[in-house]
């Protein structure tokens, strides 16, 4: 890891410390998680859970596919 220094306004720092304490983590870990979330949102980084990419992929398919899978794949 690379060490860095960031300046926050007092109110933001206070809120971040509160969230970290509430979530039973430390400020560094909280900021890393937040940074990762922003990066994924801004530049579309792939998640470590590829199954999430398939959610909604079959949105327009047959609603009863699991009931008739044997009929479809004969």
PDB file of N, CA and C in Angstrom:
ATOM      1  N   UNK A   1       0.827  -1.184   0.000  1.00  0.00           N
ATOM      2  CA  UNK A   1       0.000   0.000   0.000  1.00  0.00           C
ATOM      3  C   UNK A   1       0.871   1.248   0.000  1.00  0.00           C
ATOM      4  N   UNK A   2       0.294   2.305  -0.506  1.00  0.00           N
ATOM      5  CA  UNK A   2       0.978   3.590  -0.541  1.00  0.00           C
ATOM      6  C   UNK A   2       0.350   4.496   0.509  1.00  0.00           C
ATOM      7  N   UNK A   3       1.177   5.110   1.295  1.00  0.00           N
ATOM      8  CA  UNK A   3       0.710   6.042   2.326  1.00  0.00           C
ATOM      9  C   UNK A   3       0.513   7.407   1.692  1.00  0.00           C
ATOM     10  N   UNK A   4      -0.596   8.058   2.059  1.00  0.00           N
ATOM     11  CA  UNK A   4      -0.876   9.389   1.535  1.00  0.00           C
ATOM     12  C   UNK A   4      -1.489  10.261   2.633  1.00  0.00           C
ATOM     13  N   UNK A   5      -1.538  11.532   2.392  1.00  0.00           N
ATOM     14  CA  UNK A   5      -2.084  12.467   3.368  1.00  0.00           C
ATOM     15  C   UNK A   5      -3.211  13.254   2.706  1.00  0.00           C
ATOM     16  N   UNK A   6      -4.346  13.341   3.400  1.00  0.00           N
ATOM     17  CA  UNK A   6      -5.515  14.028   2.868  1.00  0.00           C
ATOM     18  C   UNK A   6      -6.016  15.016   3.908  1.00  0.00           C
ATOM     19  N   UNK A   7      -6.430  16.182   3.458  1.00  0.00           N
ATOM     20  CA  UNK A   7      -7.003  17.186   4.352  1.00  0.00           C
ATOM     21  C   UNK A   7      -8.521  17.195   4.181  1.00  0.00           C
ATOM     22  N   UNK A   8      -9.237  17.103   5.302  1.00  0.00           N
ATOM     23  CA  UNK A   8     -10.691  17.160   5.303  1.00  0.00           C
ATOM     24  C   UNK A   8     -11.141  18.333   6.157  1.00  0.00           C
ATOM     25  N   UNK A   9     -12.250  18.949   5.786  1.00  0.00           N
ATOM     26  CA  UNK A   9     -12.855  19.911   6.711  1.00  0.00           C
ATOM     27  C   UNK A   9     -13.261  19.173   7.990  1.00  0.00           C
ATOM     28  N   UNK A  10     -13.316  19.894   9.092  1.00  0.00           N
ATOM     29  CA  UNK A  10     -13.586  19.257  10.380  1.00  0.00           C
ATOM     30  C   UNK A  10     -14.905  18.492  10.400  1.00  0.00           C
ATOM     31  N   UNK A  11     -15.946  19.045   9.801  1.00  0.00           N
ATOM     32  CA  UNK A  11     -17.241  18.371   9.839  1.00  0.00           C
ATOM     33  C   UNK A  11     -17.229  17.054   9.072  1.00  0.00           C
ATOM     34  N   UNK A  12     -16.554  17.016   7.931  1.00  0.00           N
ATOM     35  CA  UNK A  12     -16.453  15.773   7.159  1.00  0.00           C
ATOM     36  C   UNK A  12     -15.631  14.746   7.931  1.00  0.00           C
ATOM     37  N   UNK A  13     -14.529  15.180   8.511  1.00  0.00           N
ATOM     38  CA  UNK A  13     -13.691  14.270   9.299  1.00  0.00           C
ATOM     39  C   UNK A  13     -14.486  13.686  10.470  1.00  0.00           C
ATOM     40  N   UNK A  14     -15.248  14.529  11.130  1.00  0.00           N
ATOM     41  CA  UNK A  14     -16.069  14.073  12.259  1.00  0.00           C
ATOM     42  C   UNK A  14     -17.084  13.028  11.796  1.00  0.00           C
ATOM     43  N   UNK A  15     -17.732  13.288  10.667  1.00  0.00           N
ATOM     44  CA  UNK A  15     -18.729  12.346  10.151  1.00  0.00           C
ATOM     45  C   UNK A  15     -18.095  11.026   9.726  1.00  0.00           C
ATOM     46  N   UNK A  16     -16.935  11.105   9.100  1.00  0.00           N
ATOM     47  CA  UNK A  16     -16.238   9.884   8.693  1.00  0.00           C
ATOM     48  C   UNK A  16     -15.827   9.047   9.907  1.00  0.00           C
ATOM     49  N   UNK A  17     -15.321   9.698  10.938  1.00  0.00           N
ATOM     50  CA  UNK A  17     -14.948   8.990  12.167  1.00  0.00           C
ATOM     51  C   UNK A  17     -16.182   8.337  12.804  1.00  0.00           C
ATOM     52  N   UNK A  18     -17.311   9.050  12.783  1.00  0.00           N
ATOM     53  CA  UNK A  18     -18.546   8.503  13.330  1.00  0.00           C
ATOM     54  C   UNK A  18     -18.973   7.247  12.566  1.00  0.00           C
ATOM     55  N   UNK A  19     -18.947   7.310  11.237  1.00  0.00           N
ATOM     56  CA  UNK A  19     -19.327   6.161  10.407  1.00  0.00           C
ATOM     57  C   UNK A  19     -18.401   4.984  10.656  1.00  0.00           C
ATOM     58  N   UNK A  20     -17.111   5.258  10.744  1.00  0.00           N
ATOM     59  CA  UNK A  20     -16.139   4.193  10.994  1.00  0.00           C
ATOM     60  C   UNK A  20     -16.413   3.525  12.346  1.00  0.00           C
ATOM     61  N   UNK A  21     -16.670   4.316  13.347  1.00  0.00           N
ATOM     62  CA  UNK A  21     -16.943   3.758  14.675  1.00  0.00           C
ATOM     63  C   UNK A  21     -18.244   2.965  14.662  1.00  0.00           C
ATOM     64  N   UNK A  22     -19.262   3.510  14.009  1.00  0.00           N
ATOM     65  CA  UNK A  22     -20.550   2.824  13.922  1.00  0.00           C
ATOM     66  C   UNK A  22     -20.417   1.476  13.213  1.00  0.00           C
ATOM     67  N   UNK A  23     -19.592   1.452  12.162  1.00  0.00           N
ATOM     68  CA  UNK A  23     -19.398   0.225  11.375  1.00  0.00           C
ATOM     69  C   UNK A  23     -18.316  -0.683  11.944  1.00  0.00           C
ATOM     70  N   UNK A  24     -17.766  -0.285  13.097  1.00  0.00           N
ATOM     71  CA  UNK A  24     -16.726  -1.061  13.785  1.00  0.00           C
ATOM     72  C   UNK A  24     -15.527  -1.343  12.879  1.00  0.00           C
ATOM     73  N   UNK A  25     -15.057  -0.290  12.253  1.00  0.00           N
ATOM     74  CA  UNK A  25     -13.863  -0.372  11.418  1.00  0.00           C
ATOM     75  C   UNK A  25     -13.013   0.855  11.726  1.00  0.00           C
ATOM     76  N   UNK A  26     -11.897   0.982  11.032  1.00  0.00           N
ATOM     77  CA  UNK A  26     -11.081   2.176  11.247  1.00  0.00           C
ATOM     78  C   UNK A  26     -11.240   3.126  10.053  1.00  0.00           C
ATOM     79  N   UNK A  27     -10.785   4.336  10.253  1.00  0.00           N
ATOM     80  CA  UNK A  27     -10.960   5.369   9.237  1.00  0.00           C
ATOM     81  C   UNK A  27     -10.267   4.999   7.927  1.00  0.00           C
ATOM     82  N   UNK A  28      -9.088   4.414   8.017  1.00  0.00           N
ATOM     83  CA  UNK A  28      -8.349   4.046   6.799  1.00  0.00           C
ATOM     84  C   UNK A  28      -9.114   3.034   5.960  1.00  0.00           C
ATOM     85  N   UNK A  29      -9.629   2.004   6.604  1.00  0.00           N
ATOM     86  CA  UNK A  29     -10.373   0.974   5.872  1.00  0.00           C
ATOM     87  C   UNK A  29     -11.646   1.566   5.272  1.00  0.00           C
ATOM     88  N   UNK A  30     -12.330   2.403   6.031  1.00  0.00           N
ATOM     89  CA  UNK A  30     -13.542   3.045   5.534  1.00  0.00           C
ATOM     90  C   UNK A  30     -13.246   3.868   4.283  1.00  0.00           C
ATOM     91  N   UNK A  31     -12.179   4.659   4.323  1.00  0.00           N
ATOM     92  CA  UNK A  31     -11.829   5.489   3.168  1.00  0.00           C
ATOM     93  C   UNK A  31     -11.433   4.644   1.958  1.00  0.00           C
ATOM     94  N   UNK A  32     -10.728   3.532   2.180  1.00  0.00           N
ATOM     95  CA  UNK A  32     -10.382   2.637   1.061  1.00  0.00           C
ATOM     96  C   UNK A  32     -11.640   2.060   0.427  1.00  0.00           C
ATOM     97  N   UNK A  33     -12.609   1.637   1.269  1.00  0.00           N
ATOM     98  CA  UNK A  33     -13.860   1.087   0.741  1.00  0.00           C
ATOM     99  C   UNK A  33     -14.632   2.150  -0.044  1.00  0.00           C
ATOM    100  N   UNK A  34     -14.663   3.364   0.494  1.00  0.00           N
ATOM    101  CA  UNK A  34     -15.364   4.449  -0.195  1.00  0.00           C
ATOM    102  C   UNK A  34     -14.688   4.777  -1.526  1.00  0.00           C
ATOM    103  N   UNK A  35     -13.373   4.814  -1.519  1.00  0.00           N
ATOM    104  CA  UNK A  35     -12.636   5.111  -2.748  1.00  0.00           C
ATOM    105  C   UNK A  35     -12.901   4.037  -3.796  1.00  0.00           C
ATOM    106  N   UNK A  36     -12.917   2.779  -3.376  1.00  0.00           N
ATOM    107  CA  UNK A  36     -13.173   1.686  -4.309  1.00  0.00           C
ATOM    108  C   UNK A  36     -14.568   1.807  -4.913  1.00  0.00           C
ATOM    109  N   UNK A  37     -15.548   2.172  -4.092  1.00  0.00           N
ATOM    110  CA  UNK A  37     -16.914   2.345  -4.575  1.00  0.00           C
ATOM    111  C   UNK A  37     -16.999   3.470  -5.599  1.00  0.00           C
ATOM    112  N   UNK A  38     -16.340   4.577  -5.331  1.00  0.00           N
ATOM    113  CA  UNK A  38     -16.361   5.712  -6.261  1.00  0.00           C
ATOM    114  C   UNK A  38     -15.669   5.339  -7.565  1.00  0.00           C
ATOM    115  N   UNK A  39     -14.544   4.654  -7.488  1.00  0.00           N
ATOM    116  CA  UNK A  39     -13.826   4.239  -8.699  1.00  0.00           C
ATOM    117  C   UNK A  39     -14.703   3.331  -9.540  1.00  0.00           C
ATOM    118  N   UNK A  40     -15.348   2.350  -8.917  1.00  0.00           N
ATOM    119  CA  UNK A  40     -16.216   1.438  -9.664  1.00  0.00           C
ATOM    120  C   UNK A  40     -17.359   2.195 -10.326  1.00  0.00           C
ATOM    121  N   UNK A  41     -17.898   3.171  -9.639  1.00  0.00           N
ATOM    122  CA  UNK A  41     -19.013   3.944 -10.184  1.00  0.00           C
ATOM    123  C   UNK A  41     -18.558   4.857 -11.319  1.00  0.00           C
ATOM    124  N   UNK A  42     -17.428   5.517 -11.149  1.00  0.00           N
ATOM    125  CA  UNK A  42     -16.971   6.515 -12.120  1.00  0.00           C
ATOM    126  C   UNK A  42     -16.391   5.918 -13.387  1.00  0.00           C
ATOM    127  N   UNK A  43     -15.609   4.845 -13.253  1.00  0.00           N
ATOM    128  CA  UNK A  43     -14.950   4.305 -14.446  1.00  0.00           C
ATOM    129  C   UNK A  43     -15.364   2.881 -14.769  1.00  0.00           C
ATOM    130  N   UNK A  44     -16.350   2.368 -14.047  1.00  0.00           N
ATOM    131  CA  UNK A  44     -16.894   1.053 -14.387  1.00  0.00           C
ATOM    132  C   UNK A  44     -15.937  -0.098 -14.163  1.00  0.00           C
ATOM    133  N   UNK A  45     -15.133  -0.018 -13.146  1.00  0.00           N
ATOM    134  CA  UNK A  45     -14.230  -1.136 -12.843  1.00  0.00           C
ATOM    135  C   UNK A  45     -15.038  -2.395 -12.589  1.00  0.00           C
ATOM    136  N   UNK A  46     -14.486  -3.532 -12.984  1.00  0.00           N
ATOM    137  CA  UNK A  46     -15.140  -4.813 -12.761  1.00  0.00           C
ATOM    138  C   UNK A  46     -15.103  -5.153 -11.282  1.00  0.00           C
ATOM    139  N   UNK A  47     -16.162  -5.777 -10.810  1.00  0.00           N
ATOM    140  CA  UNK A  47     -16.202  -6.210  -9.417  1.00  0.00           C
ATOM    141  C   UNK A  47     -15.540  -7.571  -9.294  1.00  0.00           C
ATOM    142  N   UNK A  48     -15.209  -7.950  -8.084  1.00  0.00           N
ATOM    143  CA  UNK A  48     -14.638  -9.267  -7.847  1.00  0.00           C
ATOM    144  C   UNK A  48     -15.725 -10.334  -7.797  1.00  0.00           C
ATOM    145  N   UNK A  49     -16.975  -9.939  -8.025  1.00  0.00           N
ATOM    146  CA  UNK A  49     -18.092 -10.862  -8.023  1.00  0.00           C
ATOM    147  C   UNK A  49     -18.744 -10.824  -9.404  1.00  0.00           C
ATOM    148  N   UNK A  50     -18.199 -11.581 -10.359  1.00  0.00           N
ATOM    149  CA  UNK A  50     -18.691 -11.490 -11.740  1.00  0.00           C
ATOM    150  C   UNK A  50     -20.150 -11.899 -11.897  1.00  0.00           C
ATOM    151  N   UNK A  51     -20.700 -12.677 -10.969  1.00  0.00           N
ATOM    152  CA  UNK A  51     -22.097 -13.089 -11.077  1.00  0.00           C
ATOM    153  C   UNK A  51     -23.032 -11.887 -11.033  1.00  0.00           C
ATOM    154  N   UNK A  52     -22.588 -10.782 -10.408  1.00  0.00           N
ATOM    155  CA  UNK A  52     -23.437  -9.608 -10.329  1.00  0.00           C
ATOM    156  C   UNK A  52     -23.687  -8.989 -11.704  1.00  0.00           C
ATOM    157  N   UNK A  53     -22.808  -9.252 -12.654  1.00  0.00           N
ATOM    158  CA  UNK A  53     -22.987  -8.714 -13.999  1.00  0.00           C
ATOM    159  C   UNK A  53     -24.146  -9.371 -14.726  1.00  0.00           C
ATOM    160  N   UNK A  54     -24.559 -10.556 -14.270  1.00  0.00           N
ATOM    161  CA  UNK A  54     -25.627 -11.295 -14.935  1.00  0.00           C
ATOM    162  C   UNK A  54     -27.011 -10.974 -14.384  1.00  0.00           C
ATOM    163  N   UNK A  55     -27.063 -10.204 -13.311  1.00  0.00           N
ATOM    164  CA  UNK A  55     -28.352  -9.845 -12.744  1.00  0.00           C
ATOM    165  C   UNK A  55     -29.129  -9.028 -13.765  1.00  0.00           C
ATOM    166  N   UNK A  56     -30.286  -9.488 -14.098  1.00  0.00           N
ATOM    167  CA  UNK A  56     -31.121  -8.809 -15.068  1.00  0.00           C
ATOM    168  C   UNK A  56     -30.800  -9.146 -16.508  1.00  0.00           C
ATOM    169  N   UNK A  57     -29.826 -10.019 -16.750  1.00  0.00           N
ATOM    170  CA  UNK A  57     -29.443 -10.354 -18.122  1.00  0.00           C
ATOM    171  C   UNK A  57     -30.576 -11.049 -18.863  1.00  0.00           C
ATOM    172  N   UNK A  58     -31.362 -11.834 -18.165  1.00  0.00           N
ATOM    173  CA  UNK A  58     -32.467 -12.548 -18.797  1.00  0.00           C
ATOM    174  C   UNK A  58     -33.804 -11.863 -18.534  1.00  0.00           C
ATOM    175  N   UNK A  59     -33.767 -10.572 -18.400  1.00  0.00           N
ATOM    176  CA  UNK A  59     -34.951  -9.798 -18.054  1.00  0.00           C
ATOM    177  C   UNK A  59     -36.088  -9.990 -19.055  1.00  0.00           C
ATOM    178  N   UNK A  60     -35.764 -10.149 -20.328  1.00  0.00           N
ATOM    179  CA  UNK A  60     -36.790 -10.218 -21.356  1.00  0.00           C
ATOM    180  C   UNK A  60     -37.041 -11.638 -21.849  1.00  0.00           C
ATOM    181  N   UNK A  61     -36.463 -12.625 -21.207  1.00  0.00           N
ATOM    182  CA  UNK A  61     -36.662 -14.023 -21.591  1.00  0.00           C
ATOM    183  C   UNK A  61     -37.996 -14.550 -21.091  1.00  0.00           C
ATOM    184  N   UNK A  62     -38.270 -15.822 -21.402  1.00  0.00           N
ATOM    185  CA  UNK A  62     -39.516 -16.417 -20.937  1.00  0.00           C
ATOM    186  C   UNK A  62     -39.579 -16.435 -19.414  1.00  0.00           C
ATOM    187  N   UNK A  63     -40.743 -16.126 -18.866  1.00  0.00           N
ATOM    188  CA  UNK A  63     -40.906 -16.058 -17.417  1.00  0.00           C
ATOM    189  C   UNK A  63     -40.874 -17.444 -16.775  1.00  0.00           C
ATOM    190  N   UNK A  64     -41.229 -18.485 -17.520  1.00  0.00           N
ATOM    191  CA  UNK A  64     -41.300 -19.826 -16.960  1.00  0.00           C
ATOM    192  C   UNK A  64     -40.173 -20.722 -17.498  1.00  0.00           C
ATOM    193  N   UNK A  65     -39.038 -20.153 -17.798  1.00  0.00           N
ATOM    194  CA  UNK A  65     -37.927 -20.896 -18.388  1.00  0.00           C
ATOM    195  C   UNK A  65     -37.515 -22.080 -17.529  1.00  0.00           C
ATOM    196  N   UNK A  66     -37.439 -21.905 -16.220  1.00  0.00           N
ATOM    197  CA  UNK A  66     -36.988 -23.000 -15.363  1.00  0.00           C
ATOM    198  C   UNK A  66     -37.994 -24.147 -15.334  1.00  0.00           C
ATOM    199  N   UNK A  67     -39.257 -23.868 -15.582  1.00  0.00           N
ATOM    200  CA  UNK A  67     -40.272 -24.924 -15.585  1.00  0.00           C
ATOM    201  C   UNK A  67     -40.268 -25.725 -16.884  1.00  0.00           C
ATOM    202  N   UNK A  68     -39.788 -25.121 -17.974  1.00  0.00           N
ATOM    203  CA  UNK A  68     -39.845 -25.762 -19.287  1.00  0.00           C
ATOM    204  C   UNK A  68     -38.465 -25.926 -19.911  1.00  0.00           C
ATOM    205  N   UNK A  69     -37.452 -26.011 -19.100  1.00  0.00           N
ATOM    206  CA  UNK A  69     -36.096 -26.112 -19.647  1.00  0.00           C
ATOM    207  C   UNK A  69     -35.910 -27.396 -20.455  1.00  0.00           C
ATOM    208  N   UNK A  70     -36.550 -28.492 -20.051  1.00  0.00           N
ATOM    209  CA  UNK A  70     -36.423 -29.737 -20.802  1.00  0.00           C
ATOM    210  C   UNK A  70     -37.095 -29.648 -22.163  1.00  0.00           C
ATOM    211  N   UNK A  71     -38.190 -28.892 -22.257  1.00  0.00           N
ATOM    212  CA  UNK A  71     -38.872 -28.727 -23.545  1.00  0.00           C
ATOM    213  C   UNK A  71     -38.057 -27.872 -24.491  1.00  0.00           C
ATOM    214  N   UNK A  72     -37.357 -26.897 -23.966  1.00  0.00           N
ATOM    215  CA  UNK A  72     -36.594 -25.962 -24.791  1.00  0.00           C
ATOM    216  C   UNK A  72     -35.318 -26.611 -25.317  1.00  0.00           C
ATOM    217  N   UNK A  73     -34.641 -27.396 -24.487  1.00  0.00           N
ATOM    218  CA  UNK A  73     -33.336 -27.967 -24.850  1.00  0.00           C
ATOM    219  C   UNK A  73     -33.447 -29.447 -25.181  1.00  0.00           C
ATOM    220  N   UNK A  74     -34.307 -29.829 -26.133  1.00  0.00           N
ATOM    221  CA  UNK A  74     -34.408 -31.215 -26.593  1.00  0.00           C
ATOM    222  C   UNK A  74     -33.534 -31.445 -27.770  1.00  0.00           C
TER     223      UNK A  74
END
